[in-house]
Amino acid sequence: MGMVRRNFRRLDKEDFLLIYKKYIRPHMEYCVQAWSPYLKKVIECLEKVQRSATKMVHEFCHLSYEQRLRNLEMIPLGSEETEVT
């Protein structure tokens, strides 16, 4: 994500989704835990990456995480049903 942040100062929705789907998300899905996160700490770690990635869209950076996901038509990486403490 640091490389994307350094090379793209301002992203709009379409550019962000393209870059996120091509560069950021595949790195997160490479790990088995990303396919089916089970532990709460793994879910939180994946969500943290997605939270900071969605803040890169300049027009949505002031919105809450849930609103950014809705506007970008993305889903949260971890669901509440699968959490184990």
PDB file of N, CA and C in Angstrom:
ATOM      1  N   MET A   1       0.820  -1.185   0.000  1.00  0.00           N
ATOM      2  CA  MET A   1       0.000   0.000   0.000  1.00  0.00           C
ATOM      3  C   MET A   1       0.863   1.248   0.000  1.00  0.00           C
ATOM      4  N   GLY A   2       2.041   1.147   0.603  1.00  0.00           N
ATOM      5  CA  GLY A   2       2.932   2.297   0.626  1.00  0.00           C
ATOM      6  C   GLY A   2       3.350   2.712  -0.775  1.00  0.00           C
ATOM      7  N   MET A   3       3.601   1.726  -1.626  1.00  0.00           N
ATOM      8  CA  MET A   3       3.980   2.027  -3.004  1.00  0.00           C
ATOM      9  C   MET A   3       2.837   2.726  -3.737  1.00  0.00           C
ATOM     10  N   VAL A   4       1.633   2.264  -3.546  1.00  0.00           N
ATOM     11  CA  VAL A   4       0.471   2.883  -4.181  1.00  0.00           C
ATOM     12  C   VAL A   4       0.299   4.302  -3.661  1.00  0.00           C
ATOM     13  N   ARG A   5       0.448   4.488  -2.362  1.00  0.00           N
ATOM     14  CA  ARG A   5       0.291   5.809  -1.754  1.00  0.00           C
ATOM     15  C   ARG A   5       1.347   6.791  -2.263  1.00  0.00           C
ATOM     16  N   ARG A   6       2.576   6.311  -2.441  1.00  0.00           N
ATOM     17  CA  ARG A   6       3.648   7.187  -2.935  1.00  0.00           C
ATOM     18  C   ARG A   6       3.435   7.595  -4.387  1.00  0.00           C
ATOM     19  N   ASN A   7       2.895   6.699  -5.190  1.00  0.00           N
ATOM     20  CA  ASN A   7       2.777   6.958  -6.626  1.00  0.00           C
ATOM     21  C   ASN A   7       1.452   7.582  -7.049  1.00  0.00           C
ATOM     22  N   PHE A   8       0.441   7.482  -6.218  1.00  0.00           N
ATOM     23  CA  PHE A   8      -0.873   8.034  -6.551  1.00  0.00           C
ATOM     24  C   PHE A   8      -1.312   8.930  -5.399  1.00  0.00           C
ATOM     25  N   ARG A   9      -1.158  10.217  -5.569  1.00  0.00           N
ATOM     26  CA  ARG A   9      -1.482  11.160  -4.495  1.00  0.00           C
ATOM     27  C   ARG A   9      -2.982  11.316  -4.292  1.00  0.00           C
ATOM     28  N   ARG A  10      -3.724  11.452  -5.373  1.00  0.00           N
ATOM     29  CA  ARG A  10      -5.182  11.632  -5.277  1.00  0.00           C
ATOM     30  C   ARG A  10      -5.843  10.597  -6.172  1.00  0.00           C
ATOM     31  N   LEU A  11      -6.720   9.815  -5.590  1.00  0.00           N
ATOM     32  CA  LEU A  11      -7.423   8.781  -6.343  1.00  0.00           C
ATOM     33  C   LEU A  11      -8.912   9.067  -6.339  1.00  0.00           C
ATOM     34  N   ASP A  12      -9.560   8.808  -7.460  1.00  0.00           N
ATOM     35  CA  ASP A  12     -11.015   8.853  -7.462  1.00  0.00           C
ATOM     36  C   ASP A  12     -11.518   7.416  -7.295  1.00  0.00           C
ATOM     37  N   LYS A  13     -12.815   7.260  -7.255  1.00  0.00           N
ATOM     38  CA  LYS A  13     -13.418   5.962  -6.959  1.00  0.00           C
ATOM     39  C   LYS A  13     -12.997   4.888  -7.961  1.00  0.00           C
ATOM     40  N   GLU A  14     -13.067   5.176  -9.243  1.00  0.00           N
ATOM     41  CA  GLU A  14     -12.757   4.179 -10.268  1.00  0.00           C
ATOM     42  C   GLU A  14     -11.290   3.769 -10.224  1.00  0.00           C
ATOM     43  N   ASP A  15     -10.398   4.752 -10.095  1.00  0.00           N
ATOM     44  CA  ASP A  15      -8.973   4.451 -10.030  1.00  0.00           C
ATOM     45  C   ASP A  15      -8.640   3.628  -8.794  1.00  0.00           C
ATOM     46  N   PHE A  16      -9.238   4.004  -7.655  1.00  0.00           N
ATOM     47  CA  PHE A  16      -8.980   3.266  -6.430  1.00  0.00           C
ATOM     48  C   PHE A  16      -9.411   1.815  -6.556  1.00  0.00           C
ATOM     49  N   LEU A  17     -10.628   1.587  -7.056  1.00  0.00           N
ATOM     50  CA  LEU A  17     -11.120   0.211  -7.163  1.00  0.00           C
ATOM     51  C   LEU A  17     -10.235  -0.620  -8.081  1.00  0.00           C
ATOM     52  N   LEU A  18      -9.782  -0.038  -9.165  1.00  0.00           N
ATOM     53  CA  LEU A  18      -8.898  -0.751 -10.083  1.00  0.00           C
ATOM     54  C   LEU A  18      -7.575  -1.110  -9.400  1.00  0.00           C
ATOM     55  N   ILE A  19      -6.960  -0.145  -8.757  1.00  0.00           N
ATOM     56  CA  ILE A  19      -5.682  -0.379  -8.090  1.00  0.00           C
ATOM     57  C   ILE A  19      -5.841  -1.334  -6.913  1.00  0.00           C
ATOM     58  N   TYR A  20      -6.904  -1.163  -6.139  1.00  0.00           N
ATOM     59  CA  TYR A  20      -7.130  -2.022  -4.977  1.00  0.00           C
ATOM     60  C   TYR A  20      -7.323  -3.472  -5.403  1.00  0.00           C
ATOM     61  N   LYS A  21      -8.126  -3.695  -6.425  1.00  0.00           N
ATOM     62  CA  LYS A  21      -8.404  -5.062  -6.879  1.00  0.00           C
ATOM     63  C   LYS A  21      -7.194  -5.710  -7.534  1.00  0.00           C
ATOM     64  N   LYS A  22      -6.320  -4.924  -8.145  1.00  0.00           N
ATOM     65  CA  LYS A  22      -5.169  -5.478  -8.860  1.00  0.00           C
ATOM     66  C   LYS A  22      -3.925  -5.616  -7.997  1.00  0.00           C
ATOM     67  N   TYR A  23      -3.722  -4.734  -7.015  1.00  0.00           N
ATOM     68  CA  TYR A  23      -2.474  -4.732  -6.271  1.00  0.00           C
ATOM     69  C   TYR A  23      -2.604  -5.035  -4.784  1.00  0.00           C
ATOM     70  N   ILE A  24      -3.585  -4.461  -4.126  1.00  0.00           N
ATOM     71  CA  ILE A  24      -3.666  -4.593  -2.672  1.00  0.00           C
ATOM     72  C   ILE A  24      -4.379  -5.880  -2.267  1.00  0.00           C
ATOM     73  N   ARG A  25      -5.559  -6.114  -2.792  1.00  0.00           N
ATOM     74  CA  ARG A  25      -6.358  -7.276  -2.396  1.00  0.00           C
ATOM     75  C   ARG A  25      -5.662  -8.607  -2.677  1.00  0.00           C
ATOM     76  N   PRO A  26      -4.984  -8.798  -3.825  1.00  0.00           N
ATOM     77  CA  PRO A  26      -4.290 -10.077  -4.046  1.00  0.00           C
ATOM     78  C   PRO A  26      -3.205 -10.369  -3.006  1.00  0.00           C
ATOM     79  N   HIS A  27      -2.529  -9.336  -2.516  1.00  0.00           N
ATOM     80  CA  HIS A  27      -1.527  -9.560  -1.472  1.00  0.00           C
ATOM     81  C   HIS A  27      -2.172 -10.039  -0.184  1.00  0.00           C
ATOM     82  N   MET A  28      -3.333  -9.517   0.129  1.00  0.00           N
ATOM     83  CA  MET A  28      -4.023  -9.949   1.342  1.00  0.00           C
ATOM     84  C   MET A  28      -4.597 -11.350   1.177  1.00  0.00           C
ATOM     85  N   GLU A  29      -5.058 -11.694  -0.013  1.00  0.00           N
ATOM     86  CA  GLU A  29      -5.664 -12.998  -0.236  1.00  0.00           C
ATOM     87  C   GLU A  29      -4.639 -14.109  -0.420  1.00  0.00           C
ATOM     88  N   TYR A  30      -3.375 -13.772  -0.558  1.00  0.00           N
ATOM     89  CA  TYR A  30      -2.328 -14.769  -0.715  1.00  0.00           C
ATOM     90  C   TYR A  30      -2.253 -15.662   0.516  1.00  0.00           C
ATOM     91  N   CYS A  31      -2.538 -15.097   1.642  1.00  0.00           N
ATOM     92  CA  CYS A  31      -2.507 -15.838   2.898  1.00  0.00           C
ATOM     93  C   CYS A  31      -3.815 -16.607   3.078  1.00  0.00           C
ATOM     94  N   VAL A  32      -3.736 -17.809   3.618  1.00  0.00           N
ATOM     95  CA  VAL A  32      -4.922 -18.646   3.809  1.00  0.00           C
ATOM     96  C   VAL A  32      -5.928 -17.981   4.744  1.00  0.00           C
ATOM     97  N   GLN A  33      -5.444 -17.261   5.756  1.00  0.00           N
ATOM     98  CA  GLN A  33      -6.347 -16.634   6.717  1.00  0.00           C
ATOM     99  C   GLN A  33      -7.256 -15.610   6.053  1.00  0.00           C
ATOM    100  N   ALA A  34      -6.829 -15.022   4.948  1.00  0.00           N
ATOM    101  CA  ALA A  34      -7.667 -14.027   4.281  1.00  0.00           C
ATOM    102  C   ALA A  34      -8.846 -14.677   3.576  1.00  0.00           C
ATOM    103  N   TRP A  35      -8.710 -15.910   3.153  1.00  0.00           N
ATOM    104  CA  TRP A  35      -9.814 -16.588   2.472  1.00  0.00           C
ATOM    105  C   TRP A  35     -10.940 -16.891   3.442  1.00  0.00           C
ATOM    106  N   SER A  36     -10.580 -17.301   4.638  1.00  0.00           N
ATOM    107  CA  SER A  36     -11.586 -17.634   5.636  1.00  0.00           C
ATOM    108  C   SER A  36     -11.061 -17.239   7.012  1.00  0.00           C
ATOM    109  N   PRO A  37     -11.105 -15.946   7.319  1.00  0.00           N
ATOM    110  CA  PRO A  37     -10.559 -15.516   8.614  1.00  0.00           C
ATOM    111  C   PRO A  37     -11.363 -16.104   9.762  1.00  0.00           C
ATOM    112  N   TYR A  38     -10.661 -16.651  10.740  1.00  0.00           N
ATOM    113  CA  TYR A  38     -11.316 -17.332  11.844  1.00  0.00           C
ATOM    114  C   TYR A  38     -11.084 -16.598  13.159  1.00  0.00           C
ATOM    115  N   LEU A  39      -9.864 -16.208  13.382  1.00  0.00           N
ATOM    116  CA  LEU A  39      -9.551 -15.536  14.634  1.00  0.00           C
ATOM    117  C   LEU A  39      -9.859 -14.042  14.556  1.00  0.00           C
ATOM    118  N   LYS A  40     -10.274 -13.504  15.670  1.00  0.00           N
ATOM    119  CA  LYS A  40     -10.630 -12.090  15.722  1.00  0.00           C
ATOM    120  C   LYS A  40      -9.442 -11.200  15.371  1.00  0.00           C
ATOM    121  N   LYS A  41      -8.233 -11.572  15.810  1.00  0.00           N
ATOM    122  CA  LYS A  41      -7.061 -10.746  15.535  1.00  0.00           C
ATOM    123  C   LYS A  41      -6.720 -10.728  14.050  1.00  0.00           C
ATOM    124  N   VAL A  42      -6.978 -11.824  13.335  1.00  0.00           N
ATOM    125  CA  VAL A  42      -6.734 -11.865  11.888  1.00  0.00           C
ATOM    126  C   VAL A  42      -7.746 -10.981  11.169  1.00  0.00           C
ATOM    127  N   ILE A  43      -8.996 -11.057  11.578  1.00  0.00           N
ATOM    128  CA  ILE A  43     -10.045 -10.231  10.983  1.00  0.00           C
ATOM    129  C   ILE A  43      -9.729  -8.759  11.198  1.00  0.00           C
ATOM    130  N   GLU A  44      -9.319  -8.403  12.417  1.00  0.00           N
ATOM    131  CA  GLU A  44      -8.990  -7.009  12.720  1.00  0.00           C
ATOM    132  C   GLU A  44      -7.800  -6.522  11.902  1.00  0.00           C
ATOM    133  N   CYS A  45      -6.807  -7.378  11.702  1.00  0.00           N
ATOM    134  CA  CYS A  45      -5.635  -7.001  10.913  1.00  0.00           C
ATOM    135  C   CYS A  45      -6.028  -6.737   9.461  1.00  0.00           C
ATOM    136  N   LEU A  46      -6.847  -7.605   8.882  1.00  0.00           N
ATOM    137  CA  LEU A  46      -7.297  -7.428   7.506  1.00  0.00           C
ATOM    138  C   LEU A  46      -8.174  -6.185   7.364  1.00  0.00           C
ATOM    139  N   GLU A  47      -9.041  -5.966   8.330  1.00  0.00           N
ATOM    140  CA  GLU A  47      -9.898  -4.780   8.305  1.00  0.00           C
ATOM    141  C   GLU A  47      -9.071  -3.507   8.411  1.00  0.00           C
ATOM    142  N   LYS A  48      -8.002  -3.540   9.184  1.00  0.00           N
ATOM    143  CA  LYS A  48      -7.140  -2.362   9.337  1.00  0.00           C
ATOM    144  C   LYS A  48      -6.518  -1.975   7.999  1.00  0.00           C
ATOM    145  N   VAL A  49      -6.087  -2.961   7.240  1.00  0.00           N
ATOM    146  CA  VAL A  49      -5.515  -2.689   5.922  1.00  0.00           C
ATOM    147  C   VAL A  49      -6.572  -2.091   5.004  1.00  0.00           C
ATOM    148  N   GLN A  50      -7.783  -2.686   5.022  1.00  0.00           N
ATOM    149  CA  GLN A  50      -8.845  -2.173   4.156  1.00  0.00           C
ATOM    150  C   GLN A  50      -9.286  -0.781   4.591  1.00  0.00           C
ATOM    151  N   ARG A  51      -9.325  -0.527   5.895  1.00  0.00           N
ATOM    152  CA  ARG A  51      -9.688   0.808   6.382  1.00  0.00           C
ATOM    153  C   ARG A  51      -8.740   1.864   5.855  1.00  0.00           C
ATOM    154  N   SER A  52      -7.441   1.596   5.978  1.00  0.00           N
ATOM    155  CA  SER A  52      -6.470   2.597   5.519  1.00  0.00           C
ATOM    156  C   SER A  52      -6.468   2.714   4.002  1.00  0.00           C
ATOM    157  N   ALA A  53      -6.748   1.631   3.306  1.00  0.00           N
ATOM    158  CA  ALA A  53      -6.806   1.689   1.839  1.00  0.00           C
ATOM    159  C   ALA A  53      -7.985   2.537   1.376  1.00  0.00           C
ATOM    160  N   THR A  54      -9.130   2.400   2.019  1.00  0.00           N
ATOM    161  CA  THR A  54     -10.299   3.164   1.582  1.00  0.00           C
ATOM    162  C   THR A  54     -10.144   4.655   1.881  1.00  0.00           C
ATOM    163  N   LYS A  55      -9.266   5.008   2.809  1.00  0.00           N
ATOM    164  CA  LYS A  55      -9.017   6.426   3.094  1.00  0.00           C
ATOM    165  C   LYS A  55      -8.227   7.095   1.979  1.00  0.00           C
ATOM    166  N   MET A  56      -7.672   6.329   1.068  1.00  0.00           N
ATOM    167  CA  MET A  56      -6.888   6.890  -0.023  1.00  0.00           C
ATOM    168  C   MET A  56      -7.757   7.607  -1.051  1.00  0.00           C
ATOM    169  N   VAL A  57      -9.057   7.316  -1.070  1.00  0.00           N
ATOM    170  CA  VAL A  57      -9.965   7.999  -1.985  1.00  0.00           C
ATOM    171  C   VAL A  57     -10.279   9.359  -1.379  1.00  0.00           C
ATOM    172  N   HIS A  58      -9.803  10.391  -2.030  1.00  0.00           N
ATOM    173  CA  HIS A  58      -9.870  11.742  -1.462  1.00  0.00           C
ATOM    174  C   HIS A  58     -11.298  12.183  -1.148  1.00  0.00           C
ATOM    175  N   GLU A  59     -12.234  11.876  -2.020  1.00  0.00           N
ATOM    176  CA  GLU A  59     -13.601  12.359  -1.809  1.00  0.00           C
ATOM    177  C   GLU A  59     -14.332  11.638  -0.682  1.00  0.00           C
ATOM    178  N   PHE A  60     -13.816  10.482  -0.226  1.00  0.00           N
ATOM    179  CA  PHE A  60     -14.472   9.723   0.839  1.00  0.00           C
ATOM    180  C   PHE A  60     -13.673   9.690   2.134  1.00  0.00           C
ATOM    181  N   CYS A  61     -12.525  10.350   2.201  1.00  0.00           N
ATOM    182  CA  CYS A  61     -11.652  10.219   3.369  1.00  0.00           C
ATOM    183  C   CYS A  61     -12.289  10.770   4.649  1.00  0.00           C
ATOM    184  N   HIS A  62     -13.243  11.675   4.534  1.00  0.00           N
ATOM    185  CA  HIS A  62     -13.879  12.256   5.720  1.00  0.00           C
ATOM    186  C   HIS A  62     -15.051  11.408   6.238  1.00  0.00           C
ATOM    187  N   LEU A  63     -15.455  10.382   5.493  1.00  0.00           N
ATOM    188  CA  LEU A  63     -16.580   9.538   5.883  1.00  0.00           C
ATOM    189  C   LEU A  63     -16.142   8.428   6.833  1.00  0.00           C
ATOM    190  N   SER A  64     -17.101   7.814   7.498  1.00  0.00           N
ATOM    191  CA  SER A  64     -16.791   6.674   8.351  1.00  0.00           C
ATOM    192  C   SER A  64     -16.444   5.470   7.474  1.00  0.00           C
ATOM    193  N   TYR A  65     -15.851   4.467   8.085  1.00  0.00           N
ATOM    194  CA  TYR A  65     -15.437   3.267   7.357  1.00  0.00           C
ATOM    195  C   TYR A  65     -16.622   2.597   6.668  1.00  0.00           C
ATOM    196  N   GLU A  66     -17.726   2.458   7.368  1.00  0.00           N
ATOM    197  CA  GLU A  66     -18.911   1.815   6.797  1.00  0.00           C
ATOM    198  C   GLU A  66     -19.449   2.602   5.603  1.00  0.00           C
ATOM    199  N   GLN A  67     -19.451   3.923   5.718  1.00  0.00           N
ATOM    200  CA  GLN A  67     -19.919   4.756   4.603  1.00  0.00           C
ATOM    201  C   GLN A  67     -18.973   4.672   3.417  1.00  0.00           C
ATOM    202  N   ARG A  68     -17.662   4.609   3.678  1.00  0.00           N
ATOM    203  CA  ARG A  68     -16.702   4.461   2.583  1.00  0.00           C
ATOM    204  C   ARG A  68     -16.918   3.137   1.858  1.00  0.00           C
ATOM    205  N   LEU A  69     -17.149   2.061   2.615  1.00  0.00           N
ATOM    206  CA  LEU A  69     -17.401   0.758   1.986  1.00  0.00           C
ATOM    207  C   LEU A  69     -18.659   0.803   1.125  1.00  0.00           C
ATOM    208  N   ARG A  70     -19.706   1.427   1.645  1.00  0.00           N
ATOM    209  CA  ARG A  70     -20.954   1.538   0.874  1.00  0.00           C
ATOM    210  C   ARG A  70     -20.751   2.327  -0.406  1.00  0.00           C
ATOM    211  N   ASN A  71     -20.059   3.466  -0.317  1.00  0.00           N
ATOM    212  CA  ASN A  71     -19.828   4.307  -1.488  1.00  0.00           C
ATOM    213  C   ASN A  71     -18.935   3.636  -2.519  1.00  0.00           C
ATOM    214  N   LEU A  72     -17.989   2.821  -2.053  1.00  0.00           N
ATOM    215  CA  LEU A  72     -17.093   2.114  -2.965  1.00  0.00           C
ATOM    216  C   LEU A  72     -17.660   0.759  -3.404  1.00  0.00           C
ATOM    217  N   GLU A  73     -18.836   0.419  -2.869  1.00  0.00           N
ATOM    218  CA  GLU A  73     -19.504  -0.852  -3.174  1.00  0.00           C
ATOM    219  C   GLU A  73     -18.616  -2.039  -2.847  1.00  0.00           C
ATOM    220  N   MET A  74     -18.006  -1.980  -1.663  1.00  0.00           N
ATOM    221  CA  MET A  74     -17.147  -3.049  -1.167  1.00  0.00           C
ATOM    222  C   MET A  74     -17.796  -3.674   0.051  1.00  0.00           C
ATOM    223  N   ILE A  75     -17.347  -4.858   0.410  1.00  0.00           N
ATOM    224  CA  ILE A  75     -17.859  -5.521   1.603  1.00  0.00           C
ATOM    225  C   ILE A  75     -16.734  -5.598   2.636  1.00  0.00           C
ATOM    226  N   PRO A  76     -17.080  -5.666   3.913  1.00  0.00           N
ATOM    227  CA  PRO A  76     -16.042  -5.842   4.934  1.00  0.00           C
ATOM    228  C   PRO A  76     -15.361  -7.202   4.747  1.00  0.00           C
ATOM    229  N   LEU A  77     -14.085  -7.282   5.063  1.00  0.00           N
ATOM    230  CA  LEU A  77     -13.352  -8.534   4.869  1.00  0.00           C
ATOM    231  C   LEU A  77     -13.751  -9.597   5.873  1.00  0.00           C
ATOM    232  N   GLY A  78     -14.026  -9.212   7.093  1.00  0.00           N
ATOM    233  CA  GLY A  78     -14.407 -10.170   8.119  1.00  0.00           C
ATOM    234  C   GLY A  78     -15.851  -9.965   8.501  1.00  0.00           C
ATOM    235  N   SER A  79     -16.569 -11.047   8.679  1.00  0.00           N
ATOM    236  CA  SER A  79     -17.970 -10.913   9.098  1.00  0.00           C
ATOM    237  C   SER A  79     -18.083 -11.217  10.579  1.00  0.00           C
ATOM    238  N   GLU A  80     -19.085 -10.681  11.215  1.00  0.00           N
ATOM    239  CA  GLU A  80     -19.273 -10.835  12.653  1.00  0.00           C
ATOM    240  C   GLU A  80     -19.580 -12.269  13.054  1.00  0.00           C
ATOM    241  N   GLU A  81     -20.186 -13.064  12.171  1.00  0.00           N
ATOM    242  CA  GLU A  81     -20.576 -14.428  12.508  1.00  0.00           C
ATOM    243  C   GLU A  81     -19.383 -15.351  12.698  1.00  0.00           C
ATOM    244  N   THR A  82     -18.269 -15.054  12.037  1.00  0.00           N
ATOM    245  CA  THR A  82     -17.119 -15.968  12.073  1.00  0.00           C
ATOM    246  C   THR A  82     -16.115 -15.634  13.152  1.00  0.00           C
ATOM    247  N   GLU A  83     -16.360 -14.594  13.928  1.00  0.00           N
ATOM    248  CA  GLU A  83     -15.377 -14.175  14.920  1.00  0.00           C
ATOM    249  C   GLU A  83     -15.281 -15.149  16.074  1.00  0.00           C
ATOM    250  N   VAL A  84     -14.049 -15.417  16.472  1.00  0.00           N
ATOM    251  CA  VAL A  84     -13.773 -16.217  17.651  1.00  0.00           C
ATOM    252  C   VAL A  84     -12.786 -15.424  18.479  1.00  0.00           C
ATOM    253  N   THR A  85     -13.040 -15.289  19.773  1.00  0.00           N
ATOM    254  CA  THR A  85     -12.153 -14.491  20.616  1.00  0.00           C
ATOM    255  C   THR A  85     -11.028 -15.297  21.168  1.00  0.00           C
TER     256      THR A  85
END
